[in-house]
Amino acid sequence: MSSGASGHRWTDKVIPFGPKLNGKSEAVMSLTEQATRILGVLRQAVGASEAKYQKAVETTHKSSAQLRSVEDRIKELEARVWQRFAHISPASQ
């Protein structure tokens, strides 16, 4: 050991600063863990949005089918009205 100018003792011992955790530094591992968590959250968001999208598509198809059915019924009723009024002529009123 040696002493510095202010009387502090210095050690000649080398403190290792380098790779840890199987060759990855703690900062890199932390960044990797954070990225993995972010990707997990994104996957959950994608899954939820896909489910909502699928439900919206199903609802749209169901509404479209109902609308077509109502339109067909309106056409039928209009035809019946025209048939009834076709028998009435302006001269008979």
PDB file of N, CA and C in Angstrom:
ATOM      1  N   MET A   1       0.834  -1.167   0.000  1.00  0.00           N
ATOM      2  CA  MET A   1       0.000   0.000   0.000  1.00  0.00           C
ATOM      3  C   MET A   1       0.879   1.230   0.000  1.00  0.00           C
ATOM      4  N   SER A   2       0.305   2.305  -0.523  1.00  0.00           N
ATOM      5  CA  SER A   2       1.047   3.558  -0.545  1.00  0.00           C
ATOM      6  C   SER A   2       0.155   4.669  -0.038  1.00  0.00           C
ATOM      7  N   SER A   3       0.746   5.777   0.327  1.00  0.00           N
ATOM      8  CA  SER A   3      -0.009   6.913   0.849  1.00  0.00           C
ATOM      9  C   SER A   3      -0.018   8.021  -0.180  1.00  0.00           C
ATOM     10  N   GLY A   4      -1.160   8.721  -0.265  1.00  0.00           N
ATOM     11  CA  GLY A   4      -1.274   9.851  -1.172  1.00  0.00           C
ATOM     12  C   GLY A   4      -0.785  11.114  -0.489  1.00  0.00           C
ATOM     13  N   ALA A   5      -0.835  12.215  -1.178  1.00  0.00           N
ATOM     14  CA  ALA A   5      -0.360  13.490  -0.654  1.00  0.00           C
ATOM     15  C   ALA A   5      -1.160  13.927   0.560  1.00  0.00           C
ATOM     16  N   SER A   6      -2.402  13.571   0.666  1.00  0.00           N
ATOM     17  CA  SER A   6      -3.226  14.008   1.792  1.00  0.00           C
ATOM     18  C   SER A   6      -3.195  13.018   2.943  1.00  0.00           C
ATOM     19  N   GLY A   7      -2.365  12.020   2.852  1.00  0.00           N
ATOM     20  CA  GLY A   7      -2.233  11.054   3.920  1.00  0.00           C
ATOM     21  C   GLY A   7      -3.185   9.869   3.807  1.00  0.00           C
ATOM     22  N   HIS A   8      -4.008   9.827   2.786  1.00  0.00           N
ATOM     23  CA  HIS A   8      -4.907   8.684   2.591  1.00  0.00           C
ATOM     24  C   HIS A   8      -4.111   7.475   2.140  1.00  0.00           C
ATOM     25  N   ARG A   9      -4.529   6.336   2.564  1.00  0.00           N
ATOM     26  CA  ARG A   9      -3.854   5.114   2.155  1.00  0.00           C
ATOM     27  C   ARG A   9      -4.465   4.619   0.854  1.00  0.00           C
ATOM     28  N   TRP A  10      -3.646   4.257  -0.060  1.00  0.00           N
ATOM     29  CA  TRP A  10      -4.049   3.711  -1.339  1.00  0.00           C
ATOM     30  C   TRP A  10      -3.686   2.244  -1.373  1.00  0.00           C
ATOM     31  N   THR A  11      -4.461   1.506  -2.045  1.00  0.00           N
ATOM     32  CA  THR A  11      -4.172   0.091  -2.164  1.00  0.00           C
ATOM     33  C   THR A  11      -3.679  -0.204  -3.575  1.00  0.00           C
ATOM     34  N   ASP A  12      -2.826  -1.156  -3.665  1.00  0.00           N
ATOM     35  CA  ASP A  12      -2.343  -1.587  -4.971  1.00  0.00           C
ATOM     36  C   ASP A  12      -3.228  -2.689  -5.538  1.00  0.00           C
ATOM     37  N   LYS A  13      -4.227  -3.027  -4.775  1.00  0.00           N
ATOM     38  CA  LYS A  13      -5.132  -4.082  -5.184  1.00  0.00           C
ATOM     39  C   LYS A  13      -5.979  -3.586  -6.359  1.00  0.00           C
ATOM     40  N   VAL A  14      -6.168  -4.448  -7.364  1.00  0.00           N
ATOM     41  CA  VAL A  14      -6.963  -4.113  -8.543  1.00  0.00           C
ATOM     42  C   VAL A  14      -8.406  -4.543  -8.280  1.00  0.00           C
ATOM     43  N   ILE A  15      -9.301  -3.604  -8.457  1.00  0.00           N
ATOM     44  CA  ILE A  15     -10.716  -3.922  -8.319  1.00  0.00           C
ATOM     45  C   ILE A  15     -11.245  -4.205  -9.719  1.00  0.00           C
ATOM     46  N   PRO A  16     -11.726  -5.412  -9.947  1.00  0.00           N
ATOM     47  CA  PRO A  16     -12.184  -5.759 -11.295  1.00  0.00           C
ATOM     48  C   PRO A  16     -13.419  -4.936 -11.688  1.00  0.00           C
ATOM     49  N   PHE A  17     -13.356  -4.419 -12.881  1.00  0.00           N
ATOM     50  CA  PHE A  17     -14.491  -3.702 -13.462  1.00  0.00           C
ATOM     51  C   PHE A  17     -14.676  -4.261 -14.847  1.00  0.00           C
ATOM     52  N   GLY A  18     -15.687  -5.022 -15.018  1.00  0.00           N
ATOM     53  CA  GLY A  18     -15.867  -5.636 -16.323  1.00  0.00           C
ATOM     54  C   GLY A  18     -17.106  -6.486 -16.358  1.00  0.00           C
ATOM     55  N   PRO A  19     -17.117  -7.407 -17.266  1.00  0.00           N
ATOM     56  CA  PRO A  19     -18.324  -8.219 -17.476  1.00  0.00           C
ATOM     57  C   PRO A  19     -18.732  -8.994 -16.232  1.00  0.00           C
ATOM     58  N   LYS A  20     -20.030  -9.038 -16.019  1.00  0.00           N
ATOM     59  CA  LYS A  20     -20.611  -9.817 -14.929  1.00  0.00           C
ATOM     60  C   LYS A  20     -21.794 -10.585 -15.502  1.00  0.00           C
ATOM     61  N   LEU A  21     -22.336 -11.435 -14.710  1.00  0.00           N
ATOM     62  CA  LEU A  21     -23.537 -12.172 -15.105  1.00  0.00           C
ATOM     63  C   LEU A  21     -23.372 -12.834 -16.465  1.00  0.00           C
ATOM     64  N   ASN A  22     -22.471 -13.771 -16.544  1.00  0.00           N
ATOM     65  CA  ASN A  22     -22.228 -14.524 -17.782  1.00  0.00           C
ATOM     66  C   ASN A  22     -21.805 -13.631 -18.935  1.00  0.00           C
ATOM     67  N   GLY A  23     -20.949 -12.702 -18.692  1.00  0.00           N
ATOM     68  CA  GLY A  23     -20.407 -11.862 -19.754  1.00  0.00           C
ATOM     69  C   GLY A  23     -21.214 -10.611 -20.040  1.00  0.00           C
ATOM     70  N   LYS A  24     -22.304 -10.392 -19.345  1.00  0.00           N
ATOM     71  CA  LYS A  24     -23.110  -9.189 -19.563  1.00  0.00           C
ATOM     72  C   LYS A  24     -22.987  -8.287 -18.342  1.00  0.00           C
ATOM     73  N   SER A  25     -22.775  -7.031 -18.583  1.00  0.00           N
ATOM     74  CA  SER A  25     -22.690  -6.108 -17.458  1.00  0.00           C
ATOM     75  C   SER A  25     -24.079  -5.928 -16.864  1.00  0.00           C
ATOM     76  N   GLU A  26     -24.129  -5.427 -15.644  1.00  0.00           N
ATOM     77  CA  GLU A  26     -25.415  -5.218 -14.982  1.00  0.00           C
ATOM     78  C   GLU A  26     -26.269  -4.228 -15.754  1.00  0.00           C
ATOM     79  N   ALA A  27     -25.657  -3.191 -16.324  1.00  0.00           N
ATOM     80  CA  ALA A  27     -26.413  -2.186 -17.074  1.00  0.00           C
ATOM     81  C   ALA A  27     -27.044  -2.805 -18.311  1.00  0.00           C
ATOM     82  N   VAL A  28     -26.275  -3.641 -18.992  1.00  0.00           N
ATOM     83  CA  VAL A  28     -26.810  -4.288 -20.194  1.00  0.00           C
ATOM     84  C   VAL A  28     -27.922  -5.254 -19.801  1.00  0.00           C
ATOM     85  N   MET A  29     -27.725  -6.001 -18.735  1.00  0.00           N
ATOM     86  CA  MET A  29     -28.741  -6.945 -18.289  1.00  0.00           C
ATOM     87  C   MET A  29     -29.994  -6.184 -17.877  1.00  0.00           C
ATOM     88  N   SER A  30     -29.824  -5.087 -17.184  1.00  0.00           N
ATOM     89  CA  SER A  30     -30.962  -4.292 -16.777  1.00  0.00           C
ATOM     90  C   SER A  30     -31.706  -3.767 -17.998  1.00  0.00           C
ATOM     91  N   LEU A  31     -30.974  -3.310 -18.988  1.00  0.00           N
ATOM     92  CA  LEU A  31     -31.582  -2.815 -20.219  1.00  0.00           C
ATOM     93  C   LEU A  31     -32.321  -3.947 -20.933  1.00  0.00           C
ATOM     94  N   THR A  32     -31.714  -5.126 -20.947  1.00  0.00           N
ATOM     95  CA  THR A  32     -32.346  -6.286 -21.573  1.00  0.00           C
ATOM     96  C   THR A  32     -33.631  -6.656 -20.832  1.00  0.00           C
ATOM     97  N   GLU A  33     -33.588  -6.642 -19.513  1.00  0.00           N
ATOM     98  CA  GLU A  33     -34.778  -6.951 -18.725  1.00  0.00           C
ATOM     99  C   GLU A  33     -35.878  -5.925 -18.980  1.00  0.00           C
ATOM    100  N   GLN A  34     -35.502  -4.660 -19.046  1.00  0.00           N
ATOM    101  CA  GLN A  34     -36.484  -3.603 -19.308  1.00  0.00           C
ATOM    102  C   GLN A  34     -37.090  -3.776 -20.696  1.00  0.00           C
ATOM    103  N   ALA A  35     -36.265  -4.065 -21.677  1.00  0.00           N
ATOM    104  CA  ALA A  35     -36.763  -4.265 -23.046  1.00  0.00           C
ATOM    105  C   ALA A  35     -37.695  -5.464 -23.092  1.00  0.00           C
ATOM    106  N   THR A  36     -37.350  -6.519 -22.375  1.00  0.00           N
ATOM    107  CA  THR A  36     -38.198  -7.713 -22.332  1.00  0.00           C
ATOM    108  C   THR A  36     -39.548  -7.390 -21.707  1.00  0.00           C
ATOM    109  N   ARG A  37     -39.534  -6.604 -20.641  1.00  0.00           N
ATOM    110  CA  ARG A  37     -40.790  -6.207 -19.995  1.00  0.00           C
ATOM    111  C   ARG A  37     -41.631  -5.339 -20.927  1.00  0.00           C
ATOM    112  N   ILE A  38     -40.981  -4.414 -21.611  1.00  0.00           N
ATOM    113  CA  ILE A  38     -41.688  -3.537 -22.551  1.00  0.00           C
ATOM    114  C   ILE A  38     -42.320  -4.377 -23.663  1.00  0.00           C
ATOM    115  N   LEU A  39     -41.560  -5.333 -24.184  1.00  0.00           N
ATOM    116  CA  LEU A  39     -42.097  -6.202 -25.232  1.00  0.00           C
ATOM    117  C   LEU A  39     -43.279  -7.020 -24.717  1.00  0.00           C
ATOM    118  N   GLY A  40     -43.196  -7.452 -23.474  1.00  0.00           N
ATOM    119  CA  GLY A  40     -44.312  -8.193 -22.878  1.00  0.00           C
ATOM    120  C   GLY A  40     -45.569  -7.334 -22.792  1.00  0.00           C
ATOM    121  N   VAL A  41     -45.407  -6.098 -22.378  1.00  0.00           N
ATOM    122  CA  VAL A  41     -46.544  -5.178 -22.299  1.00  0.00           C
ATOM    123  C   VAL A  41     -47.102  -4.915 -23.695  1.00  0.00           C
ATOM    124  N   LEU A  42     -46.218  -4.732 -24.666  1.00  0.00           N
ATOM    125  CA  LEU A  42     -46.665  -4.513 -26.042  1.00  0.00           C
ATOM    126  C   LEU A  42     -47.422  -5.723 -26.578  1.00  0.00           C
ATOM    127  N   ARG A  43     -46.940  -6.918 -26.269  1.00  0.00           N
ATOM    128  CA  ARG A  43     -47.638  -8.130 -26.715  1.00  0.00           C
ATOM    129  C   ARG A  43     -49.041  -8.201 -26.116  1.00  0.00           C
ATOM    130  N   GLN A  44     -49.151  -7.836 -24.831  1.00  0.00           N
ATOM    131  CA  GLN A  44     -50.468  -7.825 -24.197  1.00  0.00           C
ATOM    132  C   GLN A  44     -51.382  -6.805 -24.872  1.00  0.00           C
ATOM    133  N   ALA A  45     -50.832  -5.632 -25.181  1.00  0.00           N
ATOM    134  CA  ALA A  45     -51.626  -4.593 -25.838  1.00  0.00           C
ATOM    135  C   ALA A  45     -52.075  -5.052 -27.219  1.00  0.00           C
ATOM    136  N   VAL A  46     -51.184  -5.720 -27.941  1.00  0.00           N
ATOM    137  CA  VAL A  46     -51.537  -6.229 -29.269  1.00  0.00           C
ATOM    138  C   VAL A  46     -52.643  -7.274 -29.140  1.00  0.00           C
ATOM    139  N   GLY A  47     -52.509  -8.162 -28.190  1.00  0.00           N
ATOM    140  CA  GLY A  47     -53.530  -9.183 -27.977  1.00  0.00           C
ATOM    141  C   GLY A  47     -54.881  -8.564 -27.654  1.00  0.00           C
ATOM    142  N   ALA A  48     -54.883  -7.555 -26.788  1.00  0.00           N
ATOM    143  CA  ALA A  48     -56.139  -6.895 -26.426  1.00  0.00           C
ATOM    144  C   ALA A  48     -56.730  -6.163 -27.624  1.00  0.00           C
ATOM    145  N   SER A  49     -55.879  -5.492 -28.394  1.00  0.00           N
ATOM    146  CA  SER A  49     -56.405  -4.755 -29.548  1.00  0.00           C
ATOM    147  C   SER A  49     -56.905  -5.711 -30.628  1.00  0.00           C
ATOM    148  N   GLU A  50     -56.248  -6.857 -30.791  1.00  0.00           N
ATOM    149  CA  GLU A  50     -56.732  -7.852 -31.758  1.00  0.00           C
ATOM    150  C   GLU A  50     -58.102  -8.379 -31.342  1.00  0.00           C
ATOM    151  N   ALA A  51     -58.288  -8.615 -30.054  1.00  0.00           N
ATOM    152  CA  ALA A  51     -59.578  -9.103 -29.557  1.00  0.00           C
ATOM    153  C   ALA A  51     -60.660  -8.050 -29.783  1.00  0.00           C
ATOM    154  N   LYS A  52     -60.330  -6.781 -29.499  1.00  0.00           N
ATOM    155  CA  LYS A  52     -61.305  -5.708 -29.715  1.00  0.00           C
ATOM    156  C   LYS A  52     -61.615  -5.561 -31.193  1.00  0.00           C
ATOM    157  N   TYR A  53     -60.610  -5.671 -32.029  1.00  0.00           N
ATOM    158  CA  TYR A  53     -60.815  -5.572 -33.479  1.00  0.00           C
ATOM    159  C   TYR A  53     -61.731  -6.694 -33.955  1.00  0.00           C
ATOM    160  N   GLN A  54     -61.469  -7.914 -33.502  1.00  0.00           N
ATOM    161  CA  GLN A  54     -62.284  -9.056 -33.904  1.00  0.00           C
ATOM    162  C   GLN A  54     -63.729  -8.856 -33.473  1.00  0.00           C
ATOM    163  N   LYS A  55     -63.936  -8.362 -32.251  1.00  0.00           N
ATOM    164  CA  LYS A  55     -65.293  -8.109 -31.776  1.00  0.00           C
ATOM    165  C   LYS A  55     -65.959  -7.030 -32.621  1.00  0.00           C
ATOM    166  N   ALA A  56     -65.221  -5.989 -33.001  1.00  0.00           N
ATOM    167  CA  ALA A  56     -65.778  -4.930 -33.839  1.00  0.00           C
ATOM    168  C   ALA A  56     -66.169  -5.473 -35.212  1.00  0.00           C
ATOM    169  N   VAL A  57     -65.336  -6.345 -35.768  1.00  0.00           N
ATOM    170  CA  VAL A  57     -65.651  -6.949 -37.076  1.00  0.00           C
ATOM    171  C   VAL A  57     -66.913  -7.794 -36.968  1.00  0.00           C
ATOM    172  N   GLU A  58     -67.009  -8.600 -35.918  1.00  0.00           N
ATOM    173  CA  GLU A  58     -68.195  -9.441 -35.723  1.00  0.00           C
ATOM    174  C   GLU A  58     -69.451  -8.578 -35.555  1.00  0.00           C
ATOM    175  N   THR A  59     -69.347  -7.514 -34.780  1.00  0.00           N
ATOM    176  CA  THR A  59     -70.482  -6.618 -34.574  1.00  0.00           C
ATOM    177  C   THR A  59     -70.887  -5.948 -35.880  1.00  0.00           C
ATOM    178  N   THR A  60     -69.900  -5.559 -36.672  1.00  0.00           N
ATOM    179  CA  THR A  60     -70.173  -4.926 -37.963  1.00  0.00           C
ATOM    180  C   THR A  60     -70.895  -5.886 -38.890  1.00  0.00           C
ATOM    181  N   HIS A  61     -70.444  -7.128 -38.949  1.00  0.00           N
ATOM    182  CA  HIS A  61     -71.097  -8.126 -39.803  1.00  0.00           C
ATOM    183  C   HIS A  61     -72.535  -8.388 -39.345  1.00  0.00           C
ATOM    184  N   LYS A  62     -72.715  -8.491 -38.026  1.00  0.00           N
ATOM    185  CA  LYS A  62     -74.047  -8.727 -37.488  1.00  0.00           C
ATOM    186  C   LYS A  62     -74.963  -7.544 -37.808  1.00  0.00           C
ATOM    187  N   SER A  63     -74.480  -6.331 -37.603  1.00  0.00           N
ATOM    188  CA  SER A  63     -75.287  -5.137 -37.895  1.00  0.00           C
ATOM    189  C   SER A  63     -75.604  -5.041 -39.377  1.00  0.00           C
ATOM    190  N   SER A  64     -74.647  -5.369 -40.208  1.00  0.00           N
ATOM    191  CA  SER A  64     -74.851  -5.327 -41.656  1.00  0.00           C
ATOM    192  C   SER A  64     -75.934  -6.321 -42.083  1.00  0.00           C
ATOM    193  N   ALA A  65     -75.901  -7.511 -41.516  1.00  0.00           N
ATOM    194  CA  ALA A  65     -76.914  -8.523 -41.835  1.00  0.00           C
ATOM    195  C   ALA A  65     -78.295  -8.063 -41.370  1.00  0.00           C
ATOM    196  N   GLN A  66     -78.357  -7.458 -40.197  1.00  0.00           N
ATOM    197  CA  GLN A  66     -79.633  -6.952 -39.689  1.00  0.00           C
ATOM    198  C   GLN A  66     -80.156  -5.825 -40.584  1.00  0.00           C
ATOM    199  N   LEU A  67     -79.271  -4.949 -41.025  1.00  0.00           N
ATOM    200  CA  LEU A  67     -79.665  -3.855 -41.906  1.00  0.00           C
ATOM    201  C   LEU A  67     -80.220  -4.384 -43.222  1.00  0.00           C
ATOM    202  N   ARG A  68     -79.546  -5.378 -43.802  1.00  0.00           N
ATOM    203  CA  ARG A  68     -80.044  -5.991 -45.044  1.00  0.00           C
ATOM    204  C   ARG A  68     -81.427  -6.595 -44.837  1.00  0.00           C
ATOM    205  N   SER A  69     -81.627  -7.242 -43.717  1.00  0.00           N
ATOM    206  CA  SER A  69     -82.920  -7.853 -43.409  1.00  0.00           C
ATOM    207  C   SER A  69     -84.008  -6.776 -43.312  1.00  0.00           C
ATOM    208  N   VAL A  70     -83.703  -5.685 -42.638  1.00  0.00           N
ATOM    209  CA  VAL A  70     -84.671  -4.600 -42.499  1.00  0.00           C
ATOM    210  C   VAL A  70     -84.962  -3.963 -43.859  1.00  0.00           C
ATOM    211  N   GLU A  71     -83.910  -3.767 -44.658  1.00  0.00           N
ATOM    212  CA  GLU A  71     -84.110  -3.208 -46.004  1.00  0.00           C
ATOM    213  C   GLU A  71     -85.014  -4.112 -46.847  1.00  0.00           C
ATOM    214  N   ASP A  72     -84.804  -5.410 -46.754  1.00  0.00           N
ATOM    215  CA  ASP A  72     -85.645  -6.358 -47.494  1.00  0.00           C
ATOM    216  C   ASP A  72     -87.104  -6.273 -47.025  1.00  0.00           C
ATOM    217  N   ARG A  73     -87.294  -6.166 -45.725  1.00  0.00           N
ATOM    218  CA  ARG A  73     -88.655  -6.062 -45.175  1.00  0.00           C
ATOM    219  C   ARG A  73     -89.324  -4.771 -45.649  1.00  0.00           C
ATOM    220  N   ILE A  74     -88.575  -3.666 -45.689  1.00  0.00           N
ATOM    221  CA  ILE A  74     -89.115  -2.396 -46.175  1.00  0.00           C
ATOM    222  C   ILE A  74     -89.554  -2.533 -47.633  1.00  0.00           C
ATOM    223  N   LYS A  75     -88.738  -3.181 -48.443  1.00  0.00           N
ATOM    224  CA  LYS A  75     -89.094  -3.391 -49.855  1.00  0.00           C
ATOM    225  C   LYS A  75     -90.380  -4.195 -49.980  1.00  0.00           C
ATOM    226  N   GLU A  76     -90.512  -5.233 -49.151  1.00  0.00           N
ATOM    227  CA  GLU A  76     -91.727  -6.044 -49.171  1.00  0.00           C
ATOM    228  C   GLU A  76     -92.950  -5.203 -48.819  1.00  0.00           C
ATOM    229  N   LEU A  77     -92.835  -4.411 -47.775  1.00  0.00           N
ATOM    230  CA  LEU A  77     -93.960  -3.576 -47.348  1.00  0.00           C
ATOM    231  C   LEU A  77     -94.302  -2.518 -48.396  1.00  0.00           C
ATOM    232  N   GLU A  78     -93.273  -1.929 -48.997  1.00  0.00           N
ATOM    233  CA  GLU A  78     -93.523  -0.948 -50.066  1.00  0.00           C
ATOM    234  C   GLU A  78     -94.269  -1.599 -51.236  1.00  0.00           C
ATOM    235  N   ALA A  79     -93.868  -2.801 -51.578  1.00  0.00           N
ATOM    236  CA  ALA A  79     -94.527  -3.513 -52.680  1.00  0.00           C
ATOM    237  C   ALA A  79     -95.989  -3.784 -52.348  1.00  0.00           C
ATOM    238  N   ARG A  80     -96.266  -4.171 -51.107  1.00  0.00           N
ATOM    239  CA  ARG A  80     -97.647  -4.417 -50.704  1.00  0.00           C
ATOM    240  C   ARG A  80     -98.471  -3.139 -50.754  1.00  0.00           C
ATOM    241  N   VAL A  81     -97.874  -2.025 -50.341  1.00  0.00           N
ATOM    242  CA  VAL A  81     -98.583  -0.743 -50.388  1.00  0.00           C
ATOM    243  C   VAL A  81     -98.903  -0.383 -51.825  1.00  0.00           C
ATOM    244  N   TRP A  82     -97.938  -0.523 -52.710  1.00  0.00           N
ATOM    245  CA  TRP A  82     -98.169  -0.191 -54.125  1.00  0.00           C
ATOM    246  C   TRP A  82     -99.226  -1.102 -54.751  1.00  0.00           C
ATOM    247  N   GLN A  83     -99.244  -2.376 -54.341  1.00  0.00           N
ATOM    248  CA  GLN A  83    -100.265  -3.285 -54.856  1.00  0.00           C
ATOM    249  C   GLN A  83    -101.663  -2.844 -54.414  1.00  0.00           C
ATOM    250  N   ARG A  84    -101.795  -2.434 -53.206  1.00  0.00           N
ATOM    251  CA  ARG A  84    -103.111  -1.985 -52.691  1.00  0.00           C
ATOM    252  C   ARG A  84    -103.573  -0.722 -53.416  1.00  0.00           C
ATOM    253  N   PHE A  85    -102.631   0.228 -53.583  1.00  0.00           N
ATOM    254  CA  PHE A  85    -103.011   1.478 -54.220  1.00  0.00           C
ATOM    255  C   PHE A  85    -103.142   1.344 -55.732  1.00  0.00           C
ATOM    256  N   ALA A  86    -102.606   0.291 -56.299  1.00  0.00           N
ATOM    257  CA  ALA A  86    -102.726   0.095 -57.753  1.00  0.00           C
ATOM    258  C   ALA A  86    -104.162  -0.189 -58.143  1.00  0.00           C
ATOM    259  N   HIS A  87    -104.943  -0.774 -57.259  1.00  0.00           N
ATOM    260  CA  HIS A  87    -106.329  -1.087 -57.539  1.00  0.00           C
ATOM    261  C   HIS A  87    -107.224   0.146 -57.442  1.00  0.00           C
ATOM    262  N   ILE A  88    -106.709   1.151 -56.774  1.00  0.00           N
ATOM    263  CA  ILE A  88    -107.496   2.381 -56.652  1.00  0.00           C
ATOM    264  C   ILE A  88    -107.074   3.321 -57.762  1.00  0.00           C
ATOM    265  N   SER A  89    -108.023   3.688 -58.582  1.00  0.00           N
ATOM    266  CA  SER A  89    -107.705   4.615 -59.659  1.00  0.00           C
ATOM    267  C   SER A  89    -108.238   5.995 -59.298  1.00  0.00           C
ATOM    268  N   PRO A  90    -107.654   7.049 -59.833  1.00  0.00           N
ATOM    269  CA  PRO A  90    -108.120   8.401 -59.529  1.00  0.00           C
ATOM    270  C   PRO A  90    -109.571   8.608 -59.920  1.00  0.00           C
ATOM    271  N   ALA A  91    -110.055   7.899 -60.927  1.00  0.00           N
ATOM    272  CA  ALA A  91    -111.435   8.086 -61.392  1.00  0.00           C
ATOM    273  C   ALA A  91    -112.441   7.503 -60.413  1.00  0.00           C
ATOM    274  N   SER A  92    -112.023   6.478 -59.637  1.00  0.00           N
ATOM    275  CA  SER A  92    -112.951   5.848 -58.717  1.00  0.00           C
ATOM    276  C   SER A  92    -113.101   6.613 -57.407  1.00  0.00           C
ATOM    277  N   GLN A  93    -112.308   7.623 -57.194  1.00  0.00           N
ATOM    278  CA  GLN A  93    -112.398   8.382 -55.936  1.00  0.00           C
ATOM    279  C   GLN A  93    -113.487   9.374 -55.974  1.00  0.00           C
TER     280      GLN A  93
END
